[in-house]
């Protein structure tokens, strides 16, 4: 296969990949619902592919309602009798449906994959590696950038090496907690309370707890370990939560950055921006863009967001989150290489406020992927 861009005769065939094995399965389904509703059907031929929690790939329905949050129920991709796979056949990328005791059925070629996957086994470089092996173009960060962006420990190591300011934290492995929990408690005490206990490789605030004293630490650690045996425990930082949406530049252009957005919690029901506040109770938070900041600080946070994007080697899209202190200090919290992507999510909202509407944002990401070289780059 050549490294030239594929033919762009309409319609371009896009495989929307969503669901997955992680605890963020439902979030991925909600993200897919947003994209399926907004993608330009005159330009793109869409093939929805769901990944069940078992890991099976299945052809998924396009009924938007089925993948949305409704009545408090979480959407889920269910396993089935037919399995979908992506094969490199005849010089193209063919979707193949297999069923026990039946001849595999080819469903035609795919030009690009849009992996709307959150968390491990999807956002962490694993699916990206699968697509790289078959020279399949896809939206978003590559293998290494995805892996770094998923691991909050190594993410911070890379940020510090790039000269960005990172808050105090400790990383805790399964072996450390199992062999010497007292040593872990001592390290965490040195951070001062409150602290935030987080699974190292989960997102959407899954398994995250705010801990105000040593008494609550063990329970928070065990809760986080339900999602990941590796943890990151961060010192609480007093500051506003400011985010920047980053979009890969075209060709050799620098990354594009949005206006800053700010998350403010409303009321006292949620101690921080957790899953319920993000996806279930929209009235619990106020998302404002542009955030009220001096022009100089806006330019500074945009510059640092672009630096973070380049530091991990991101492609396509990322959301970069900061703490902005009263003294004007910027402390980077994390980069998310596949941020929430529903129309009401912060990433699309920030681009809408900057002048790029949701359908056009989807189109731009697909065009970036279609024009990306395959192989090493």
Protein backbone atom coordinates (compact mmCIF):
# COMPACT_ATOMS: atom_id res chain seq x y z
CA UNK A 1 0.00 0.00 0.00
CA UNK A 2 1.32 3.46 -0.85
CA UNK A 3 1.61 6.30 1.64
CA UNK A 4 -0.35 8.66 -0.61
CA UNK A 5 -3.74 9.87 0.58
CA UNK A 6 -6.64 7.66 -0.53
CA UNK A 7 -9.06 8.79 -3.20
CA UNK A 8 -11.55 11.30 -1.86
CA UNK A 9 -14.44 10.51 -4.22
CA UNK A 10 -17.68 10.82 -2.26
CA UNK A 11 -18.77 9.16 -0.17
CA UNK A 12 -15.78 8.43 2.02
CA UNK A 13 -16.37 5.27 4.05
CA UNK A 14 -15.88 5.79 7.79
CA UNK A 15 -15.96 3.08 10.43
CA UNK A 16 -17.14 4.57 13.74
CA UNK A 17 -15.63 2.41 16.49
CA UNK A 18 -17.13 2.68 19.97
CA UNK A 19 -17.95 0.83 23.19
CA UNK A 20 -14.92 -1.15 24.33
CA UNK A 21 -13.77 -3.18 27.31
CA UNK A 22 -13.02 -0.36 29.73
CA UNK A 23 -15.19 1.09 32.50
CA UNK A 24 -15.82 4.01 30.14
CA UNK A 25 -17.84 1.81 27.75
CA UNK A 26 -21.04 3.82 28.23
CA UNK A 27 -19.23 7.16 27.78
CA UNK A 28 -17.91 5.91 24.45
CA UNK A 29 -21.45 4.98 23.35
CA UNK A 30 -22.70 8.45 24.24
CA UNK A 31 -19.83 9.99 22.28
CA UNK A 32 -20.73 7.83 19.27
CA UNK A 33 -24.35 8.99 19.46
CA UNK A 34 -23.20 12.59 19.13
CA UNK A 35 -20.97 11.89 16.12
CA UNK A 36 -23.55 9.70 14.36
CA UNK A 37 -26.11 12.50 14.68
CA UNK A 38 -23.84 15.22 13.32
CA UNK A 39 -21.59 13.66 10.67
CA UNK A 40 -22.23 14.81 7.09
CA UNK A 41 -24.00 11.86 5.43
CA UNK A 42 -23.65 13.42 1.98
CA UNK A 43 -19.88 13.22 2.31
CA UNK A 44 -19.37 10.16 4.51
CA UNK A 45 -20.74 6.62 4.34
CA UNK A 46 -20.85 5.59 7.99
CA UNK A 47 -20.44 2.06 9.32
CA UNK A 48 -21.00 1.91 13.12
CA UNK A 49 -18.98 -0.85 14.78
CA UNK A 50 -19.51 -1.53 18.47
CA UNK A 51 -17.06 -3.30 20.73
CA UNK A 52 -18.82 -5.34 23.41
CA UNK A 53 -17.41 -5.50 26.93
CA UNK A 54 -16.15 -8.99 26.04
CA UNK A 55 -14.02 -7.43 23.28
CA UNK A 56 -16.12 -8.73 20.39
CA UNK A 57 -16.57 -6.37 17.43
CA UNK A 58 -20.15 -6.28 16.11
CA UNK A 59 -22.12 -4.31 13.55
CA UNK A 60 -24.04 -1.73 15.55
CA UNK A 61 -27.28 0.04 14.80
CA UNK A 62 -27.41 3.70 13.91
CA UNK A 63 -30.34 4.50 16.20
CA UNK A 64 -29.02 7.53 18.07
CA UNK A 65 -31.44 7.05 20.95
CA UNK A 66 -30.01 3.60 21.63
CA UNK A 67 -26.55 5.00 22.37
CA UNK A 68 -27.61 8.03 24.40
CA UNK A 69 -28.04 8.42 28.14
CA UNK A 70 -31.72 8.20 28.95
CA UNK A 71 -33.67 7.68 32.17
CA UNK A 72 -30.41 7.15 34.03
CA UNK A 73 -29.66 3.96 32.06
CA UNK A 74 -26.18 3.47 30.61
CA UNK A 75 -26.01 2.33 26.95
CA UNK A 76 -24.11 -0.87 26.17
CA UNK A 77 -22.91 -2.72 23.08
CA UNK A 78 -24.06 -6.34 23.37
CA UNK A 79 -22.15 -9.33 22.02
CA UNK A 80 -23.75 -11.27 19.17
CA UNK A 81 -23.44 -14.29 16.89
CA UNK A 82 -21.62 -12.33 14.17
CA UNK A 83 -18.14 -10.90 14.61
CA UNK A 84 -16.73 -8.00 12.58
CA UNK A 85 -13.04 -7.79 11.73
CA UNK A 86 -10.91 -5.46 9.64
CA UNK A 87 -8.79 -7.30 7.08
CA UNK A 88 -6.21 -6.06 4.59
CA UNK A 89 -7.47 -7.74 1.42
CA UNK A 90 -6.85 -6.94 -2.21
CA UNK A 91 -4.89 -3.79 -1.43
CA UNK A 92 -7.70 -2.31 0.66
CA UNK A 93 -9.11 -2.42 4.17
CA UNK A 94 -12.13 -4.70 4.11
CA UNK A 95 -14.75 -5.19 6.79
CA UNK A 96 -15.46 -8.89 7.16
CA UNK A 97 -18.36 -10.43 9.10
CA UNK A 98 -17.84 -13.96 10.43
CA UNK A 99 -20.38 -16.37 11.88
CA UNK A 100 -19.96 -19.95 13.09
CA UNK A 101 -20.44 -22.52 10.30
CA UNK A 102 -20.81 -19.80 7.66
CA UNK A 103 -18.60 -18.36 4.94
CA UNK A 104 -17.20 -14.96 5.99
CA UNK A 105 -18.98 -12.06 4.29
CA UNK A 106 -17.10 -9.02 2.99
CA UNK A 107 -18.84 -5.70 3.60
CA UNK A 108 -16.56 -3.56 1.50
CA UNK A 109 -13.58 -1.31 2.09
CA UNK A 110 -13.04 1.37 4.74
CA UNK A 111 -11.15 4.60 4.09
CA UNK A 112 -10.71 5.73 7.69
CA UNK A 113 -11.57 4.63 11.22
CA UNK A 114 -12.86 7.03 13.87
CA UNK A 115 -12.07 5.28 17.18
CA UNK A 116 -14.40 6.94 19.71
CA UNK A 117 -12.99 4.84 22.53
CA UNK A 118 -12.24 6.01 26.07
CA UNK A 119 -9.99 4.30 28.59
CA UNK A 120 -7.85 1.15 28.39
CA UNK A 121 -8.10 -1.16 25.38
CA UNK A 122 -9.05 1.70 23.11
CA UNK A 123 -7.65 5.10 24.01
CA UNK A 124 -4.33 3.73 25.29
CA UNK A 125 -2.63 2.80 22.03
CA UNK A 126 -3.83 -0.80 21.80
CA UNK A 127 -6.44 -0.27 19.07
CA UNK A 128 -4.15 2.28 17.45
CA UNK A 129 -1.47 -0.42 17.22
CA UNK A 130 -3.94 -2.78 15.56
CA UNK A 131 -4.80 -0.13 12.97
CA UNK A 132 -1.14 0.70 12.41
CA UNK A 133 -0.37 -2.96 11.68
CA UNK A 134 -2.85 -2.94 8.80
CA UNK A 135 -1.87 0.54 7.49
CA UNK A 136 -5.37 1.79 8.26
CA UNK A 137 -5.82 5.53 8.62
CA UNK A 138 -7.58 6.65 11.79
CA UNK A 139 -8.52 9.77 13.72
CA UNK A 140 -6.47 10.82 16.71
CA UNK A 141 -3.20 10.14 18.45
CA UNK A 142 -0.87 7.29 17.54
CA UNK A 143 0.38 4.42 19.68
CA UNK A 144 2.95 6.19 21.86
CA UNK A 145 1.01 9.42 22.35
CA UNK A 146 -2.12 7.45 23.23
CA UNK A 147 -0.23 5.34 25.76
CA UNK A 148 1.40 8.37 27.40
CA UNK A 149 -1.88 10.26 27.46
CA UNK A 150 -3.59 7.31 29.16
CA UNK A 151 -1.01 6.84 31.92
CA UNK A 152 -1.21 9.78 34.34
CA UNK A 153 2.20 8.90 35.82
CA UNK A 154 4.25 8.87 32.62
CA UNK A 155 2.23 11.79 31.29
CA UNK A 156 3.53 13.88 34.17
CA UNK A 157 7.09 12.67 33.57
CA UNK A 158 6.88 13.83 29.95
CA UNK A 159 5.31 17.16 30.90
CA UNK A 160 8.05 17.88 33.44
CA UNK A 161 10.71 17.03 30.84
CA UNK A 162 9.07 19.54 28.48
CA UNK A 163 9.30 22.29 31.12
CA UNK A 164 5.63 22.36 32.13
CA UNK A 165 4.67 22.81 35.78
CA UNK A 166 3.17 19.68 37.37
CA UNK A 167 1.58 19.53 40.81
CA UNK A 168 2.97 17.31 43.62
CA UNK A 169 2.02 13.64 43.28
CA UNK A 170 3.05 10.09 44.02
CA UNK A 171 2.66 7.05 41.76
CA UNK A 172 1.71 3.78 43.47
CA UNK A 173 2.16 0.39 41.82
CA UNK A 174 0.33 -2.78 42.79
CA UNK A 175 3.52 -4.24 44.25
CA UNK A 176 4.20 -1.17 46.39
CA UNK A 177 0.70 -1.17 47.90
CA UNK A 178 0.73 -4.93 48.46
CA UNK A 179 4.24 -5.19 49.96
CA UNK A 180 4.47 -2.00 52.04
CA UNK A 181 1.20 -0.05 52.40
CA UNK A 182 2.59 1.92 55.36
CA UNK A 183 5.31 3.36 53.14
CA UNK A 184 2.65 4.44 50.64
CA UNK A 185 0.64 6.10 53.41
CA UNK A 186 3.74 7.97 54.57
CA UNK A 187 4.44 9.23 51.04
CA UNK A 188 0.86 10.40 50.65
CA UNK A 189 0.87 12.15 54.05
CA UNK A 190 3.87 14.15 52.87
CA UNK A 191 1.72 15.62 50.11
CA UNK A 192 -0.69 17.09 52.65
CA UNK A 193 -4.46 16.75 52.55
CA UNK A 194 -6.72 16.89 50.69
CA UNK A 195 -5.45 14.56 47.98
CA UNK A 196 -7.08 13.04 44.93
CA UNK A 197 -6.67 9.29 44.48
CA UNK A 198 -6.89 8.27 40.83
CA UNK A 199 -6.52 5.13 38.73
CA UNK A 200 -3.45 5.83 36.61
CA UNK A 201 -5.09 4.63 33.39
CA UNK A 202 -8.77 5.55 33.53
CA UNK A 203 -10.66 8.67 32.56
CA UNK A 204 -14.05 10.36 32.92
CA UNK A 205 -13.30 10.60 36.65
CA UNK A 206 -13.87 6.85 37.04
CA UNK A 207 -12.68 5.57 40.42
CA UNK A 208 -11.45 8.99 41.56
CA UNK A 209 -11.92 10.07 45.18
CA UNK A 210 -11.14 13.21 47.10
CA UNK A 211 -9.59 12.30 50.46
CA UNK A 212 -9.48 14.82 53.32
CA UNK A 213 -7.56 12.79 55.89
CA UNK A 214 -5.50 9.64 56.32
CA UNK A 215 -8.58 7.83 57.66
CA UNK A 216 -10.18 7.76 54.23
CA UNK A 217 -7.08 6.91 52.22
CA UNK A 218 -7.23 3.11 52.24
CA UNK A 219 -10.85 2.97 51.08
CA UNK A 220 -10.13 5.43 48.28
CA UNK A 221 -7.11 3.41 47.17
CA UNK A 222 -9.14 0.21 47.06
CA UNK A 223 -11.89 1.93 45.09
CA UNK A 224 -9.37 3.20 42.53
CA UNK A 225 -7.79 -0.26 42.32
CA UNK A 226 -11.12 -1.60 41.04
CA UNK A 227 -10.29 0.30 37.83
CA UNK A 228 -6.50 0.05 37.70
CA UNK A 229 -3.88 -1.54 39.97
CA UNK A 230 -1.56 1.37 39.27
CA UNK A 231 -2.53 4.65 40.95
CA UNK A 232 -1.59 8.30 40.94
CA UNK A 233 -2.28 10.30 44.10
CA UNK A 234 -2.18 14.05 43.65
CA UNK A 235 -1.99 16.91 46.13
CA UNK A 236 -5.09 19.08 46.08
CA UNK A 237 -4.50 22.36 44.25
CA UNK A 238 -6.52 25.49 44.90
CA UNK A 239 -7.26 27.03 41.54
CA UNK A 240 -9.73 27.40 38.72
CA UNK A 241 -10.03 24.49 36.28
CA UNK A 242 -9.23 25.79 32.80
CA UNK A 243 -9.18 23.69 29.65
CA UNK A 244 -7.91 24.19 26.11
CA UNK A 245 -8.99 22.23 23.05
CA UNK A 246 -6.12 21.45 20.69
CA UNK A 247 -6.46 20.47 17.04
CA UNK A 248 -3.61 19.22 14.89
CA UNK A 249 -2.35 21.73 12.34
CA UNK A 250 -2.70 21.03 8.64
CA UNK A 251 0.43 19.77 6.94
CA UNK A 252 3.44 21.10 8.84
CA UNK A 253 1.46 23.84 10.60
CA UNK A 254 1.61 24.17 14.37
CA UNK A 255 -1.24 22.80 16.51
CA UNK A 256 -4.37 24.98 16.64
CA UNK A 257 -5.72 26.01 20.03
CA UNK A 258 -9.18 27.10 21.14
CA UNK A 259 -10.29 29.80 23.49
CA UNK A 260 -9.97 28.65 27.12
CA UNK A 261 -12.97 27.06 28.81
CA UNK A 262 -13.70 26.85 32.52
CA UNK A 263 -15.50 24.26 34.63
CA UNK A 264 -17.27 25.51 37.76
CA UNK A 265 -19.17 23.19 40.08
CA UNK A 266 -22.64 24.34 41.15
CA UNK A 267 -23.90 23.54 44.63
CA UNK A 268 -22.34 21.07 47.07
CA UNK A 269 -23.59 17.75 45.71
CA UNK A 270 -20.30 16.93 43.96
CA UNK A 271 -16.87 17.44 45.51
CA UNK A 272 -15.28 17.53 42.05
CA UNK A 273 -16.09 17.05 38.35
CA UNK A 274 -17.00 13.36 38.54
CA UNK A 275 -18.86 11.03 36.13
CA UNK A 276 -22.32 11.97 37.41
CA UNK A 277 -21.61 15.67 37.02
CA UNK A 278 -20.13 15.20 33.54
CA UNK A 279 -22.67 12.93 31.92
CA UNK A 280 -25.79 12.50 34.07
CA UNK A 281 -26.50 15.73 35.94
CA UNK A 282 -25.76 18.52 33.50
CA UNK A 283 -27.15 21.06 35.98
CA UNK A 284 -24.33 20.27 38.42
CA UNK A 285 -21.70 22.19 36.46
CA UNK A 286 -21.30 25.40 34.56
CA UNK A 287 -19.09 25.25 31.48
CA UNK A 288 -18.07 28.70 30.27
CA UNK A 289 -16.06 29.64 27.20
CA UNK A 290 -14.21 31.88 26.89
CA UNK A 291 -13.00 31.78 30.47
CA UNK A 292 -12.54 35.14 32.16
CA UNK A 293 -8.75 35.57 32.03
CA UNK A 294 -6.37 38.41 31.17
CA UNK A 295 -5.27 38.34 27.53
CA UNK A 296 -1.68 37.61 28.50
CA UNK A 297 -2.68 34.58 30.52
CA UNK A 298 -4.91 33.34 27.69
CA UNK A 299 -1.94 33.44 25.32
CA UNK A 300 0.23 31.71 27.92
CA UNK A 301 -2.18 28.84 28.55
CA UNK A 302 -2.73 28.36 24.82
CA UNK A 303 1.02 28.18 24.28
CA UNK A 304 1.43 25.62 27.07
CA UNK A 305 -1.46 23.50 25.74
CA UNK A 306 0.20 23.35 22.31
CA UNK A 307 3.49 22.45 24.02
CA UNK A 308 1.80 19.61 25.90
CA UNK A 309 0.24 18.34 22.65
CA UNK A 310 3.64 18.26 20.97
CA UNK A 311 5.41 16.88 24.06
CA UNK A 312 3.44 13.62 23.94
CA UNK A 313 3.47 13.53 20.13
CA UNK A 314 -0.31 13.86 19.82
CA UNK A 315 -2.17 13.92 16.51
CA UNK A 316 -5.72 14.85 15.61
CA UNK A 317 -7.25 16.15 18.82
CA UNK A 318 -6.58 16.57 22.52
CA UNK A 319 -7.99 18.47 25.47
CA UNK A 320 -5.42 19.86 27.89
CA UNK A 321 -6.50 20.66 31.45
CA UNK A 322 -4.85 23.15 33.80
CA UNK A 323 -5.23 24.62 37.27
CA UNK A 324 -5.07 28.41 37.22
CA UNK A 325 -4.17 29.78 40.64
CA UNK A 326 -5.03 33.14 42.15
CA UNK A 327 -1.40 34.14 41.69
CA UNK A 328 -1.65 33.43 37.96
CA UNK A 329 0.34 30.19 38.03
CA UNK A 330 -0.55 27.53 35.46
CA UNK A 331 -0.25 23.94 36.66
CA UNK A 332 -0.96 21.30 34.04
CA UNK A 333 -3.27 18.52 35.18
CA UNK A 334 -3.54 16.21 32.19
CA UNK A 335 -3.95 15.71 28.46
CA UNK A 336 -6.83 13.67 27.10
CA UNK A 337 -6.11 12.34 23.60
CA UNK A 338 -9.73 11.27 23.06
CA UNK A 339 -11.79 13.71 25.11
CA UNK A 340 -15.52 13.52 25.58
CA UNK A 341 -16.93 14.32 22.16
CA UNK A 342 -20.68 14.71 22.52
CA UNK A 343 -22.10 18.05 21.33
CA UNK A 344 -22.32 19.15 24.98
CA UNK A 345 -18.78 18.05 25.87
CA UNK A 346 -16.21 20.69 26.66
CA UNK A 347 -13.95 19.93 23.68
CA UNK A 348 -16.57 20.62 20.96
CA UNK A 349 -18.01 23.51 22.97
CA UNK A 350 -14.64 25.23 23.11
CA UNK A 351 -14.18 24.86 19.36
CA UNK A 352 -17.72 26.11 18.73
CA UNK A 353 -16.92 29.22 20.78
CA UNK A 354 -13.71 29.62 18.78
CA UNK A 355 -15.57 29.44 15.47
CA UNK A 356 -15.56 25.76 14.45
CA UNK A 357 -18.99 24.11 14.79
CA UNK A 358 -19.45 20.46 15.77
CA UNK A 359 -20.19 19.01 12.27
CA UNK A 360 -17.25 20.95 10.79
CA UNK A 361 -15.00 19.76 13.63
CA UNK A 362 -15.88 16.13 12.82
CA UNK A 363 -15.11 16.77 9.15
CA UNK A 364 -11.79 18.44 9.96
CA UNK A 365 -10.67 15.50 12.11
CA UNK A 366 -11.56 13.00 9.39
CA UNK A 367 -9.75 15.03 6.74
CA UNK A 368 -6.64 15.25 8.93
CA UNK A 369 -6.70 11.46 9.29
CA UNK A 370 -7.25 10.87 5.57
CA UNK A 371 -4.25 13.04 4.71
CA UNK A 372 -1.96 11.47 7.30
CA UNK A 373 0.81 9.19 6.13
CA UNK A 374 0.67 5.58 7.24
CA UNK A 375 3.66 3.87 8.84
CA UNK A 376 6.40 5.74 10.68
CA UNK A 377 5.98 9.51 10.56
